[in-house]
Amino acid sequence: MEERTFGAVMQELRKGKGLSQEELAFRSGLDRTYISLLERGLRVPTIATLFKVSAALDIRPEEFIARMNVQYQNENHGAA
């Protein structure tokens, strides 16, 4: 499920930056509960969400997507 992949990458990046869900929510202009739902794969992110979260995490959207691709491949085909 792509929602889980988005959430896993977002959570990894957020924790790597030492941010709480609340701080990421503040920086991205999104609600903290929405951040939590995204991380758990319970909401489908929009392209606007991708851009907001990427900006808040100081990463280019295309890099975020590239990380999602790696995560998705690892989840579905095992780590190489």
N, C-alpha and C. Protein backbone atom coordinates (compact mmCIF):
# COMPACT_ATOMS: atom_id res chain seq x y z
N MET A 1 0.84 -1.19 0.00
CA MET A 1 0.00 0.00 0.00
C MET A 1 0.88 1.25 0.00
N GLU A 2 0.68 2.12 -0.96
CA GLU A 2 1.49 3.31 -1.08
C GLU A 2 1.33 4.26 0.11
N GLU A 3 0.16 4.24 0.75
CA GLU A 3 -0.05 5.10 1.91
C GLU A 3 0.93 4.75 3.02
N ARG A 4 1.14 3.44 3.25
CA ARG A 4 2.08 3.01 4.29
C ARG A 4 3.50 3.42 3.93
N THR A 5 3.82 3.34 2.64
CA THR A 5 5.16 3.70 2.19
C THR A 5 5.41 5.19 2.42
N PHE A 6 4.45 6.02 2.05
CA PHE A 6 4.58 7.47 2.28
C PHE A 6 4.79 7.73 3.77
N GLY A 7 3.96 7.11 4.59
CA GLY A 7 4.04 7.32 6.04
C GLY A 7 5.36 6.86 6.63
N ALA A 8 5.86 5.73 6.17
CA ALA A 8 7.13 5.21 6.69
C ALA A 8 8.29 6.14 6.34
N VAL A 9 8.30 6.63 5.11
CA VAL A 9 9.36 7.56 4.69
C VAL A 9 9.24 8.87 5.45
N MET A 10 8.04 9.38 5.58
CA MET A 10 7.84 10.64 6.30
C MET A 10 8.30 10.51 7.75
N GLN A 11 7.93 9.41 8.39
CA GLN A 11 8.31 9.21 9.78
C GLN A 11 9.83 9.09 9.93
N GLU A 12 10.46 8.36 9.03
CA GLU A 12 11.92 8.21 9.07
C GLU A 12 12.61 9.57 8.91
N LEU A 13 12.16 10.35 7.96
CA LEU A 13 12.74 11.67 7.75
C LEU A 13 12.49 12.59 8.94
N ARG A 14 11.27 12.55 9.46
CA ARG A 14 10.91 13.40 10.62
C ARG A 14 11.79 13.07 11.82
N LYS A 15 11.90 11.79 12.12
CA LYS A 15 12.72 11.38 13.26
C LYS A 15 14.20 11.69 13.03
N GLY A 16 14.64 11.55 11.77
CA GLY A 16 16.02 11.87 11.44
C GLY A 16 16.36 13.33 11.67
N LYS A 17 15.35 14.18 11.54
CA LYS A 17 15.53 15.62 11.78
C LYS A 17 15.28 15.98 13.25
N GLY A 18 14.89 14.98 14.05
CA GLY A 18 14.62 15.24 15.46
C GLY A 18 13.35 16.03 15.70
N LEU A 19 12.37 15.88 14.81
CA LEU A 19 11.12 16.63 14.93
C LEU A 19 10.02 15.76 15.52
N SER A 20 9.17 16.37 16.31
CA SER A 20 7.96 15.70 16.77
C SER A 20 6.91 15.82 15.68
N GLN A 21 5.85 15.03 15.79
CA GLN A 21 4.74 15.18 14.86
C GLN A 21 4.16 16.59 14.96
N GLU A 22 4.11 17.12 16.15
CA GLU A 22 3.57 18.46 16.35
C GLU A 22 4.42 19.51 15.62
N GLU A 23 5.74 19.38 15.71
CA GLU A 23 6.62 20.34 15.05
C GLU A 23 6.50 20.22 13.53
N LEU A 24 6.43 18.99 13.02
CA LEU A 24 6.26 18.80 11.58
C LEU A 24 4.92 19.40 11.13
N ALA A 25 3.90 19.19 11.92
CA ALA A 25 2.58 19.76 11.60
C ALA A 25 2.67 21.28 11.52
N PHE A 26 3.32 21.90 12.50
CA PHE A 26 3.46 23.35 12.52
C PHE A 26 4.21 23.84 11.28
N ARG A 27 5.33 23.19 10.98
CA ARG A 27 6.17 23.61 9.85
C ARG A 27 5.48 23.41 8.50
N SER A 28 4.63 22.39 8.41
CA SER A 28 3.98 22.08 7.13
C SER A 28 2.61 22.74 6.99
N GLY A 29 2.06 23.26 8.07
CA GLY A 29 0.73 23.85 8.02
C GLY A 29 -0.38 22.81 8.02
N LEU A 30 -0.03 21.59 8.43
CA LEU A 30 -1.01 20.51 8.51
C LEU A 30 -1.35 20.22 9.97
N ASP A 31 -2.46 19.55 10.20
CA ASP A 31 -2.87 19.21 11.55
C ASP A 31 -2.03 18.04 12.08
N ARG A 32 -1.71 18.06 13.38
CA ARG A 32 -0.91 16.99 13.96
C ARG A 32 -1.59 15.64 13.84
N THR A 33 -2.89 15.60 13.99
CA THR A 33 -3.59 14.31 13.87
C THR A 33 -3.51 13.79 12.43
N TYR A 34 -3.49 14.69 11.46
CA TYR A 34 -3.34 14.29 10.06
C TYR A 34 -1.94 13.71 9.83
N ILE A 35 -0.93 14.31 10.43
CA ILE A 35 0.44 13.79 10.34
C ILE A 35 0.47 12.37 10.89
N SER A 36 -0.16 12.15 12.03
CA SER A 36 -0.22 10.83 12.64
C SER A 36 -0.92 9.82 11.73
N LEU A 37 -2.04 10.23 11.16
CA LEU A 37 -2.78 9.35 10.25
C LEU A 37 -1.95 9.01 9.01
N LEU A 38 -1.23 9.99 8.48
CA LEU A 38 -0.36 9.74 7.33
C LEU A 38 0.73 8.74 7.69
N GLU A 39 1.37 8.93 8.83
CA GLU A 39 2.45 8.04 9.23
C GLU A 39 1.98 6.61 9.42
N ARG A 40 0.75 6.45 9.84
CA ARG A 40 0.20 5.10 10.04
C ARG A 40 -0.43 4.53 8.78
N GLY A 41 -0.39 5.29 7.68
CA GLY A 41 -0.93 4.81 6.42
C GLY A 41 -2.45 4.79 6.37
N LEU A 42 -3.07 5.63 7.19
CA LEU A 42 -4.53 5.64 7.27
C LEU A 42 -5.17 6.75 6.44
N ARG A 43 -4.34 7.58 5.81
CA ARG A 43 -4.83 8.62 4.91
C ARG A 43 -3.99 8.60 3.64
N VAL A 44 -4.62 8.97 2.55
CA VAL A 44 -3.95 9.04 1.26
C VAL A 44 -3.44 10.48 1.09
N PRO A 45 -2.12 10.66 0.96
CA PRO A 45 -1.60 12.02 0.80
C PRO A 45 -1.88 12.56 -0.59
N THR A 46 -2.12 13.85 -0.67
CA THR A 46 -2.29 14.52 -1.95
C THR A 46 -0.92 15.03 -2.41
N ILE A 47 -0.85 15.47 -3.64
CA ILE A 47 0.39 16.06 -4.14
C ILE A 47 0.73 17.33 -3.34
N ALA A 48 -0.30 18.07 -2.94
CA ALA A 48 -0.07 19.27 -2.13
C ALA A 48 0.54 18.88 -0.78
N THR A 49 0.08 17.78 -0.20
CA THR A 49 0.63 17.29 1.06
C THR A 49 2.10 16.91 0.88
N LEU A 50 2.40 16.23 -0.21
CA LEU A 50 3.80 15.86 -0.49
C LEU A 50 4.68 17.10 -0.52
N PHE A 51 4.23 18.15 -1.19
CA PHE A 51 5.03 19.37 -1.28
C PHE A 51 5.16 20.07 0.07
N LYS A 52 4.10 20.11 0.85
CA LYS A 52 4.15 20.75 2.17
C LYS A 52 5.07 20.00 3.11
N VAL A 53 4.94 18.68 3.14
CA VAL A 53 5.76 17.85 4.03
C VAL A 53 7.22 17.92 3.59
N SER A 54 7.46 17.85 2.29
CA SER A 54 8.83 17.92 1.79
C SER A 54 9.49 19.24 2.19
N ALA A 55 8.79 20.34 2.01
CA ALA A 55 9.33 21.64 2.38
C ALA A 55 9.63 21.70 3.88
N ALA A 56 8.71 21.18 4.68
CA ALA A 56 8.90 21.19 6.13
C ALA A 56 10.09 20.33 6.57
N LEU A 57 10.37 19.28 5.80
CA LEU A 57 11.48 18.39 6.11
C LEU A 57 12.76 18.79 5.37
N ASP A 58 12.70 19.88 4.62
CA ASP A 58 13.85 20.40 3.88
C ASP A 58 14.42 19.36 2.92
N ILE A 59 13.53 18.77 2.14
CA ILE A 59 13.91 17.77 1.14
C ILE A 59 13.11 18.06 -0.12
N ARG A 60 13.70 17.85 -1.27
CA ARG A 60 12.99 18.06 -2.53
C ARG A 60 11.91 16.98 -2.68
N PRO A 61 10.75 17.33 -3.22
CA PRO A 61 9.69 16.32 -3.41
C PRO A 61 10.16 15.12 -4.22
N GLU A 62 11.00 15.34 -5.22
CA GLU A 62 11.47 14.22 -6.02
C GLU A 62 12.37 13.28 -5.22
N GLU A 63 13.11 13.83 -4.25
CA GLU A 63 13.92 12.98 -3.37
C GLU A 63 13.02 12.18 -2.43
N PHE A 64 11.96 12.80 -1.95
CA PHE A 64 10.99 12.11 -1.10
C PHE A 64 10.40 10.92 -1.88
N ILE A 65 10.03 11.17 -3.14
CA ILE A 65 9.45 10.11 -3.97
C ILE A 65 10.48 9.02 -4.24
N ALA A 66 11.72 9.40 -4.48
CA ALA A 66 12.78 8.40 -4.70
C ALA A 66 12.93 7.51 -3.46
N ARG A 67 12.87 8.11 -2.29
CA ARG A 67 12.95 7.32 -1.05
C ARG A 67 11.73 6.41 -0.90
N MET A 68 10.58 6.90 -1.33
CA MET A 68 9.38 6.05 -1.31
C MET A 68 9.57 4.85 -2.22
N ASN A 69 10.15 5.08 -3.38
CA ASN A 69 10.38 3.99 -4.33
C ASN A 69 11.28 2.92 -3.72
N VAL A 70 12.35 3.33 -3.08
CA VAL A 70 13.27 2.38 -2.42
C VAL A 70 12.53 1.62 -1.32
N GLN A 71 11.78 2.35 -0.50
CA GLN A 71 11.02 1.73 0.59
C GLN A 71 10.01 0.72 0.04
N TYR A 72 9.31 1.12 -1.01
CA TYR A 72 8.30 0.25 -1.61
C TYR A 72 8.93 -1.02 -2.17
N GLN A 73 10.06 -0.86 -2.86
CA GLN A 73 10.77 -2.03 -3.40
C GLN A 73 11.22 -2.96 -2.28
N ASN A 74 11.74 -2.39 -1.20
CA ASN A 74 12.17 -3.21 -0.07
C ASN A 74 11.02 -3.94 0.59
N GLU A 75 9.87 -3.28 0.70
CA GLU A 75 8.70 -3.90 1.31
C GLU A 75 8.15 -5.04 0.45
N ASN A 76 8.23 -4.88 -0.86
CA ASN A 76 7.59 -5.83 -1.76
C ASN A 76 8.52 -6.87 -2.37
N HIS A 77 9.80 -6.63 -2.30
CA HIS A 77 10.73 -7.56 -2.92
C HIS A 77 11.88 -7.93 -1.99
N GLY A 78 11.79 -7.51 -0.74
CA GLY A 78 12.87 -7.79 0.20
C GLY A 78 14.05 -6.87 -0.06
N ALA A 79 14.80 -6.63 0.98
CA ALA A 79 15.98 -5.78 0.85
C ALA A 79 17.03 -6.50 0.00
N ALA A 80 17.62 -5.75 -0.90
CA ALA A 80 18.62 -6.34 -1.80
C ALA A 80 19.99 -6.39 -1.15
